Amino acid sequence: MTNLFDWYTRGALKLVNAPSKTIFYSIKQDISEETVDFILSELEARRSFRESNLEKLAALIKSDKKPEYGICEHLNIPI
């Protein structure tokens, strides 16, 4: 707890409004280019995965298949 006070007095810690009996804090740290690239690639992979699944869902909705069959196919559940 002493560190929190020291960080606040040195300006390394900024306080914002928070729910009562709660404290949030963060420490300013430099992020390497390698870390930034990794984070961006992970976010892009997740976005692509979600877009792909959304396109599959849209195709299922537009098709004549029963939704149950499309869901089972997506989850690799034999019918």
PDB file of N, CA and C in Angstrom:
ATOM      1  N   MET A   1       0.827  -1.191   0.000  1.00  0.00           N
ATOM      2  CA  MET A   1       0.000   0.000   0.000  1.00  0.00           C
ATOM      3  C   MET A   1       0.865   1.246   0.000  1.00  0.00           C
ATOM      4  N   THR A   2       2.041   1.184   0.623  1.00  0.00           N
ATOM      5  CA  THR A   2       2.943   2.336   0.648  1.00  0.00           C
ATOM      6  C   THR A   2       3.369   2.701  -0.771  1.00  0.00           C
ATOM      7  N   ASN A   3       3.589   1.689  -1.621  1.00  0.00           N
ATOM      8  CA  ASN A   3       3.970   1.955  -3.006  1.00  0.00           C
ATOM      9  C   ASN A   3       2.920   2.781  -3.731  1.00  0.00           C
ATOM     10  N   LEU A   4       1.658   2.509  -3.479  1.00  0.00           N
ATOM     11  CA  LEU A   4       0.602   3.271  -4.131  1.00  0.00           C
ATOM     12  C   LEU A   4       0.700   4.746  -3.784  1.00  0.00           C
ATOM     13  N   PHE A   5       0.933   5.049  -2.524  1.00  0.00           N
ATOM     14  CA  PHE A   5       1.059   6.441  -2.109  1.00  0.00           C
ATOM     15  C   PHE A   5       2.280   7.088  -2.753  1.00  0.00           C
ATOM     16  N   ASP A   6       3.404   6.374  -2.774  1.00  0.00           N
ATOM     17  CA  ASP A   6       4.619   6.908  -3.400  1.00  0.00           C
ATOM     18  C   ASP A   6       4.398   7.168  -4.891  1.00  0.00           C
ATOM     19  N   TRP A   7       3.779   6.235  -5.571  1.00  0.00           N
ATOM     20  CA  TRP A   7       3.511   6.408  -7.000  1.00  0.00           C
ATOM     21  C   TRP A   7       2.612   7.620  -7.237  1.00  0.00           C
ATOM     22  N   TYR A   8       1.604   7.800  -6.384  1.00  0.00           N
ATOM     23  CA  TYR A   8       0.690   8.932  -6.529  1.00  0.00           C
ATOM     24  C   TYR A   8       1.422  10.252  -6.331  1.00  0.00           C
ATOM     25  N   THR A   9       2.262  10.338  -5.316  1.00  0.00           N
ATOM     26  CA  THR A   9       2.964  11.589  -5.041  1.00  0.00           C
ATOM     27  C   THR A   9       3.984  11.925  -6.119  1.00  0.00           C
ATOM     28  N   ARG A  10       4.557  10.922  -6.778  1.00  0.00           N
ATOM     29  CA  ARG A  10       5.524  11.171  -7.862  1.00  0.00           C
ATOM     30  C   ARG A  10       4.842  11.392  -9.207  1.00  0.00           C
ATOM     31  N   GLY A  11       3.524  11.223  -9.255  1.00  0.00           N
ATOM     32  CA  GLY A  11       2.801  11.425 -10.504  1.00  0.00           C
ATOM     33  C   GLY A  11       2.782  10.200 -11.402  1.00  0.00           C
ATOM     34  N   ALA A  12       3.317   9.090 -10.921  1.00  0.00           N
ATOM     35  CA  ALA A  12       3.322   7.861 -11.711  1.00  0.00           C
ATOM     36  C   ALA A  12       1.961   7.168 -11.649  1.00  0.00           C
ATOM     37  N   LEU A  13       1.131   7.593 -10.724  1.00  0.00           N
ATOM     38  CA  LEU A  13      -0.185   7.004 -10.536  1.00  0.00           C
ATOM     39  C   LEU A  13      -1.220   8.105 -10.647  1.00  0.00           C
ATOM     40  N   LYS A  14      -2.194   7.901 -11.507  1.00  0.00           N
ATOM     41  CA  LYS A  14      -3.282   8.866 -11.682  1.00  0.00           C
ATOM     42  C   LYS A  14      -4.562   8.230 -11.164  1.00  0.00           C
ATOM     43  N   LEU A  15      -5.300   8.958 -10.367  1.00  0.00           N
ATOM     44  CA  LEU A  15      -6.558   8.451  -9.828  1.00  0.00           C
ATOM     45  C   LEU A  15      -7.718   8.989 -10.659  1.00  0.00           C
ATOM     46  N   VAL A  16      -8.700   8.143 -10.883  1.00  0.00           N
ATOM     47  CA  VAL A  16      -9.917   8.532 -11.588  1.00  0.00           C
ATOM     48  C   VAL A  16     -11.104   8.111 -10.745  1.00  0.00           C
ATOM     49  N   ASN A  17     -12.277   8.534 -11.141  1.00  0.00           N
ATOM     50  CA  ASN A  17     -13.471   8.126 -10.407  1.00  0.00           C
ATOM     51  C   ASN A  17     -13.629   6.621 -10.489  1.00  0.00           C
ATOM     52  N   ALA A  18     -13.978   6.041  -9.387  1.00  0.00           N
ATOM     53  CA  ALA A  18     -14.179   4.594  -9.327  1.00  0.00           C
ATOM     54  C   ALA A  18     -15.299   4.317  -8.342  1.00  0.00           C
ATOM     55  N   PRO A  19     -15.865   3.136  -8.411  1.00  0.00           N
ATOM     56  CA  PRO A  19     -16.885   2.795  -7.412  1.00  0.00           C
ATOM     57  C   PRO A  19     -16.305   2.901  -5.998  1.00  0.00           C
ATOM     58  N   SER A  20     -17.164   3.164  -5.034  1.00  0.00           N
ATOM     59  CA  SER A  20     -16.682   3.292  -3.663  1.00  0.00           C
ATOM     60  C   SER A  20     -16.028   1.991  -3.208  1.00  0.00           C
ATOM     61  N   LYS A  21     -15.071   2.117  -2.334  1.00  0.00           N
ATOM     62  CA  LYS A  21     -14.309   1.001  -1.778  1.00  0.00           C
ATOM     63  C   LYS A  21     -13.524   0.234  -2.849  1.00  0.00           C
ATOM     64  N   THR A  22     -13.201   0.903  -3.935  1.00  0.00           N
ATOM     65  CA  THR A  22     -12.452   0.274  -5.018  1.00  0.00           C
ATOM     66  C   THR A  22     -11.367   1.221  -5.477  1.00  0.00           C
ATOM     67  N   ILE A  23     -10.218   0.679  -5.815  1.00  0.00           N
ATOM     68  CA  ILE A  23      -9.142   1.499  -6.365  1.00  0.00           C
ATOM     69  C   ILE A  23      -8.585   0.777  -7.583  1.00  0.00           C
ATOM     70  N   PHE A  24      -8.411   1.529  -8.654  1.00  0.00           N
ATOM     71  CA  PHE A  24      -7.801   1.018  -9.869  1.00  0.00           C
ATOM     72  C   PHE A  24      -6.505   1.780 -10.060  1.00  0.00           C
ATOM     73  N   TYR A  25      -5.474   1.100 -10.474  1.00  0.00           N
ATOM     74  CA  TYR A  25      -4.232   1.799 -10.750  1.00  0.00           C
ATOM     75  C   TYR A  25      -3.523   1.137 -11.910  1.00  0.00           C
ATOM     76  N   SER A  26      -2.690   1.907 -12.569  1.00  0.00           N
ATOM     77  CA  SER A  26      -1.860   1.350 -13.639  1.00  0.00           C
ATOM     78  C   SER A  26      -0.495   2.024 -13.560  1.00  0.00           C
ATOM     79  N   ILE A  27       0.482   1.328 -14.068  1.00  0.00           N
ATOM     80  CA  ILE A  27       1.849   1.837 -14.070  1.00  0.00           C
ATOM     81  C   ILE A  27       2.247   2.073 -15.520  1.00  0.00           C
ATOM     82  N   LYS A  28       2.765   3.243 -15.794  1.00  0.00           N
ATOM     83  CA  LYS A  28       3.183   3.549 -17.155  1.00  0.00           C
ATOM     84  C   LYS A  28       4.423   2.721 -17.490  1.00  0.00           C
ATOM     85  N   GLN A  29       4.307   1.959 -18.561  1.00  0.00           N
ATOM     86  CA  GLN A  29       5.424   1.135 -19.007  1.00  0.00           C
ATOM     87  C   GLN A  29       5.550   1.270 -20.514  1.00  0.00           C
ATOM     88  N   ASP A  30       6.771   1.248 -21.001  1.00  0.00           N
ATOM     89  CA  ASP A  30       6.991   1.265 -22.429  1.00  0.00           C
ATOM     90  C   ASP A  30       6.778  -0.136 -22.982  1.00  0.00           C
ATOM     91  N   ILE A  31       6.161  -0.200 -24.153  1.00  0.00           N
ATOM     92  CA  ILE A  31       5.900  -1.486 -24.793  1.00  0.00           C
ATOM     93  C   ILE A  31       6.807  -1.588 -26.009  1.00  0.00           C
ATOM     94  N   SER A  32       7.476  -2.720 -26.128  1.00  0.00           N
ATOM     95  CA  SER A  32       8.385  -2.919 -27.257  1.00  0.00           C
ATOM     96  C   SER A  32       7.593  -3.095 -28.551  1.00  0.00           C
ATOM     97  N   GLU A  33       8.238  -2.824 -29.671  1.00  0.00           N
ATOM     98  CA  GLU A  33       7.611  -3.010 -30.976  1.00  0.00           C
ATOM     99  C   GLU A  33       7.209  -4.464 -31.179  1.00  0.00           C
ATOM    100  N   GLU A  34       8.024  -5.370 -30.673  1.00  0.00           N
ATOM    101  CA  GLU A  34       7.728  -6.797 -30.792  1.00  0.00           C
ATOM    102  C   GLU A  34       6.415  -7.130 -30.092  1.00  0.00           C
ATOM    103  N   THR A  35       6.215  -6.573 -28.904  1.00  0.00           N
ATOM    104  CA  THR A  35       4.981  -6.806 -28.151  1.00  0.00           C
ATOM    105  C   THR A  35       3.793  -6.195 -28.866  1.00  0.00           C
ATOM    106  N   VAL A  36       3.960  -4.995 -29.380  1.00  0.00           N
ATOM    107  CA  VAL A  36       2.877  -4.332 -30.120  1.00  0.00           C
ATOM    108  C   VAL A  36       2.496  -5.163 -31.337  1.00  0.00           C
ATOM    109  N   ASP A  37       3.493  -5.628 -32.086  1.00  0.00           N
ATOM    110  CA  ASP A  37       3.223  -6.455 -33.265  1.00  0.00           C
ATOM    111  C   ASP A  37       2.498  -7.740 -32.887  1.00  0.00           C
ATOM    112  N   PHE A  38       2.907  -8.355 -31.779  1.00  0.00           N
ATOM    113  CA  PHE A  38       2.259  -9.581 -31.317  1.00  0.00           C
ATOM    114  C   PHE A  38       0.799  -9.313 -30.974  1.00  0.00           C
ATOM    115  N   ILE A  39       0.536  -8.249 -30.231  1.00  0.00           N
ATOM    116  CA  ILE A  39      -0.833  -7.906 -29.838  1.00  0.00           C
ATOM    117  C   ILE A  39      -1.685  -7.646 -31.072  1.00  0.00           C
ATOM    118  N   LEU A  40      -1.149  -6.880 -32.019  1.00  0.00           N
ATOM    119  CA  LEU A  40      -1.901  -6.574 -33.231  1.00  0.00           C
ATOM    120  C   LEU A  40      -2.191  -7.825 -34.052  1.00  0.00           C
ATOM    121  N   SER A  41      -1.231  -8.728 -34.139  1.00  0.00           N
ATOM    122  CA  SER A  41      -1.460  -9.954 -34.903  1.00  0.00           C
ATOM    123  C   SER A  41      -2.500 -10.841 -34.215  1.00  0.00           C
ATOM    124  N   GLU A  42      -2.476 -10.887 -32.890  1.00  0.00           N
ATOM    125  CA  GLU A  42      -3.485 -11.652 -32.156  1.00  0.00           C
ATOM    126  C   GLU A  42      -4.878 -11.066 -32.362  1.00  0.00           C
ATOM    127  N   LEU A  43      -4.982  -9.745 -32.296  1.00  0.00           N
ATOM    128  CA  LEU A  43      -6.277  -9.098 -32.512  1.00  0.00           C
ATOM    129  C   LEU A  43      -6.779  -9.342 -33.928  1.00  0.00           C
ATOM    130  N   GLU A  44      -5.898  -9.285 -34.903  1.00  0.00           N
ATOM    131  CA  GLU A  44      -6.281  -9.536 -36.291  1.00  0.00           C
ATOM    132  C   GLU A  44      -6.746 -10.978 -36.475  1.00  0.00           C
ATOM    133  N   ALA A  45      -6.059 -11.926 -35.855  1.00  0.00           N
ATOM    134  CA  ALA A  45      -6.461 -13.334 -35.950  1.00  0.00           C
ATOM    135  C   ALA A  45      -7.847 -13.547 -35.339  1.00  0.00           C
ATOM    136  N   ARG A  46      -8.091 -12.935 -34.212  1.00  0.00           N
ATOM    137  CA  ARG A  46      -9.402 -13.067 -33.564  1.00  0.00           C
ATOM    138  C   ARG A  46     -10.494 -12.440 -34.421  1.00  0.00           C
ATOM    139  N   ARG A  47     -10.200 -11.255 -34.986  1.00  0.00           N
ATOM    140  CA  ARG A  47     -11.176 -10.579 -35.830  1.00  0.00           C
ATOM    141  C   ARG A  47     -11.496 -11.421 -37.063  1.00  0.00           C
ATOM    142  N   SER A  48     -10.476 -11.988 -37.677  1.00  0.00           N
ATOM    143  CA  SER A  48     -10.681 -12.825 -38.858  1.00  0.00           C
ATOM    144  C   SER A  48     -11.512 -14.056 -38.523  1.00  0.00           C
ATOM    145  N   PHE A  49     -11.220 -14.675 -37.387  1.00  0.00           N
ATOM    146  CA  PHE A  49     -11.971 -15.847 -36.944  1.00  0.00           C
ATOM    147  C   PHE A  49     -13.445 -15.497 -36.745  1.00  0.00           C
ATOM    148  N   ARG A  50     -13.693 -14.380 -36.092  1.00  0.00           N
ATOM    149  CA  ARG A  50     -15.079 -13.971 -35.831  1.00  0.00           C
ATOM    150  C   ARG A  50     -15.804 -13.609 -37.121  1.00  0.00           C
ATOM    151  N   GLU A  51     -15.114 -12.923 -38.037  1.00  0.00           N
ATOM    152  CA  GLU A  51     -15.720 -12.588 -39.318  1.00  0.00           C
ATOM    153  C   GLU A  51     -16.064 -13.847 -40.101  1.00  0.00           C
ATOM    154  N   SER A  52     -15.171 -14.818 -40.064  1.00  0.00           N
ATOM    155  CA  SER A  52     -15.411 -16.083 -40.756  1.00  0.00           C
ATOM    156  C   SER A  52     -16.652 -16.776 -40.199  1.00  0.00           C
ATOM    157  N   ASN A  53     -16.762 -16.815 -38.883  1.00  0.00           N
ATOM    158  CA  ASN A  53     -17.936 -17.437 -38.266  1.00  0.00           C
ATOM    159  C   ASN A  53     -19.209 -16.658 -38.558  1.00  0.00           C
ATOM    160  N   LEU A  54     -19.116 -15.340 -38.633  1.00  0.00           N
ATOM    161  CA  LEU A  54     -20.278 -14.528 -38.970  1.00  0.00           C
ATOM    162  C   LEU A  54     -20.725 -14.814 -40.402  1.00  0.00           C
ATOM    163  N   GLU A  55     -19.767 -14.954 -41.310  1.00  0.00           N
ATOM    164  CA  GLU A  55     -20.105 -15.275 -42.698  1.00  0.00           C
ATOM    165  C   GLU A  55     -20.756 -16.659 -42.789  1.00  0.00           C
ATOM    166  N   LYS A  56     -20.257 -17.611 -42.010  1.00  0.00           N
ATOM    167  CA  LYS A  56     -20.865 -18.946 -41.983  1.00  0.00           C
ATOM    168  C   LYS A  56     -22.298 -18.870 -41.466  1.00  0.00           C
ATOM    169  N   LEU A  57     -22.511 -18.073 -40.421  1.00  0.00           N
ATOM    170  CA  LEU A  57     -23.851 -17.922 -39.865  1.00  0.00           C
ATOM    171  C   LEU A  57     -24.788 -17.283 -40.881  1.00  0.00           C
ATOM    172  N   ALA A  58     -24.312 -16.247 -41.558  1.00  0.00           N
ATOM    173  CA  ALA A  58     -25.136 -15.584 -42.573  1.00  0.00           C
ATOM    174  C   ALA A  58     -25.486 -16.558 -43.700  1.00  0.00           C
ATOM    175  N   ALA A  59     -24.528 -17.374 -44.124  1.00  0.00           N
ATOM    176  CA  ALA A  59     -24.791 -18.367 -45.167  1.00  0.00           C
ATOM    177  C   ALA A  59     -25.808 -19.397 -44.688  1.00  0.00           C
ATOM    178  N   LEU A  60     -25.708 -19.801 -43.429  1.00  0.00           N
ATOM    179  CA  LEU A  60     -26.660 -20.760 -42.866  1.00  0.00           C
ATOM    180  C   LEU A  60     -28.065 -20.171 -42.849  1.00  0.00           C
ATOM    181  N   ILE A  61     -28.174 -18.921 -42.466  1.00  0.00           N
ATOM    182  CA  ILE A  61     -29.482 -18.270 -42.400  1.00  0.00           C
ATOM    183  C   ILE A  61     -30.099 -18.178 -43.795  1.00  0.00           C
ATOM    184  N   LYS A  62     -29.272 -17.885 -44.799  1.00  0.00           N
ATOM    185  CA  LYS A  62     -29.765 -17.744 -46.169  1.00  0.00           C
ATOM    186  C   LYS A  62     -30.062 -19.087 -46.832  1.00  0.00           C
ATOM    187  N   SER A  63     -29.493 -20.157 -46.323  1.00  0.00           N
ATOM    188  CA  SER A  63     -29.673 -21.467 -46.942  1.00  0.00           C
ATOM    189  C   SER A  63     -31.024 -22.072 -46.562  1.00  0.00           C
ATOM    190  N   ASP A  64     -31.305 -23.190 -47.197  1.00  0.00           N
ATOM    191  CA  ASP A  64     -32.550 -23.905 -46.906  1.00  0.00           C
ATOM    192  C   ASP A  64     -32.380 -24.940 -45.804  1.00  0.00           C
ATOM    193  N   LYS A  65     -31.172 -25.042 -45.248  1.00  0.00           N
ATOM    194  CA  LYS A  65     -30.914 -26.030 -44.193  1.00  0.00           C
ATOM    195  C   LYS A  65     -31.655 -25.651 -42.920  1.00  0.00           C
ATOM    196  N   LYS A  66     -31.986 -26.691 -42.165  1.00  0.00           N
ATOM    197  CA  LYS A  66     -32.519 -26.431 -40.831  1.00  0.00           C
ATOM    198  C   LYS A  66     -31.362 -25.944 -39.965  1.00  0.00           C
ATOM    199  N   PRO A  67     -31.596 -24.981 -39.086  1.00  0.00           N
ATOM    200  CA  PRO A  67     -30.508 -24.459 -38.241  1.00  0.00           C
ATOM    201  C   PRO A  67     -29.785 -25.539 -37.448  1.00  0.00           C
ATOM    202  N   GLU A  68     -30.528 -26.566 -37.002  1.00  0.00           N
ATOM    203  CA  GLU A  68     -29.912 -27.630 -36.215  1.00  0.00           C
ATOM    204  C   GLU A  68     -28.802 -28.327 -36.997  1.00  0.00           C
ATOM    205  N   TYR A  69     -29.036 -28.547 -38.282  1.00  0.00           N
ATOM    206  CA  TYR A  69     -28.038 -29.216 -39.108  1.00  0.00           C
ATOM    207  C   TYR A  69     -26.793 -28.345 -39.284  1.00  0.00           C
ATOM    208  N   GLY A  70     -27.001 -27.066 -39.485  1.00  0.00           N
ATOM    209  CA  GLY A  70     -25.868 -26.159 -39.637  1.00  0.00           C
ATOM    210  C   GLY A  70     -25.035 -26.061 -38.370  1.00  0.00           C
ATOM    211  N   ILE A  71     -25.712 -26.042 -37.238  1.00  0.00           N
ATOM    212  CA  ILE A  71     -25.003 -25.975 -35.952  1.00  0.00           C
ATOM    213  C   ILE A  71     -24.213 -27.245 -35.717  1.00  0.00           C
ATOM    214  N   CYS A  72     -24.847 -28.400 -35.978  1.00  0.00           N
ATOM    215  CA  CYS A  72     -24.144 -29.675 -35.808  1.00  0.00           C
ATOM    216  C   CYS A  72     -22.940 -29.749 -36.741  1.00  0.00           C
ATOM    217  N   GLU A  73     -23.097 -29.293 -37.955  1.00  0.00           N
ATOM    218  CA  GLU A  73     -21.985 -29.298 -38.913  1.00  0.00           C
ATOM    219  C   GLU A  73     -20.848 -28.413 -38.412  1.00  0.00           C
ATOM    220  N   HIS A  74     -21.184 -27.250 -37.911  1.00  0.00           N
ATOM    221  CA  HIS A  74     -20.171 -26.312 -37.413  1.00  0.00           C
ATOM    222  C   HIS A  74     -19.424 -26.895 -36.217  1.00  0.00           C
ATOM    223  N   LEU A  75     -20.127 -27.609 -35.362  1.00  0.00           N
ATOM    224  CA  LEU A  75     -19.524 -28.179 -34.156  1.00  0.00           C
ATOM    225  C   LEU A  75     -18.978 -29.578 -34.383  1.00  0.00           C
ATOM    226  N   ASN A  76     -19.025 -30.034 -35.629  1.00  0.00           N
ATOM    227  CA  ASN A  76     -18.541 -31.383 -35.987  1.00  0.00           C
ATOM    228  C   ASN A  76     -19.255 -32.485 -35.201  1.00  0.00           C
ATOM    229  N   ILE A  77     -20.555 -32.321 -35.063  1.00  0.00           N
ATOM    230  CA  ILE A  77     -21.377 -33.319 -34.392  1.00  0.00           C
ATOM    231  C   ILE A  77     -22.079 -34.133 -35.475  1.00  0.00           C
ATOM    232  N   PRO A  78     -21.868 -35.439 -35.497  1.00  0.00           N
ATOM    233  CA  PRO A  78     -22.539 -36.246 -36.519  1.00  0.00           C
ATOM    234  C   PRO A  78     -24.049 -36.259 -36.322  1.00  0.00           C
ATOM    235  N   ILE A  79     -24.741 -36.231 -37.436  1.00  0.00           N
ATOM    236  CA  ILE A  79     -26.222 -36.185 -37.387  1.00  0.00           C
ATOM    237  C   ILE A  79     -26.767 -37.582 -37.602  1.00  0.00           C
TER     238      ILE A  79
END
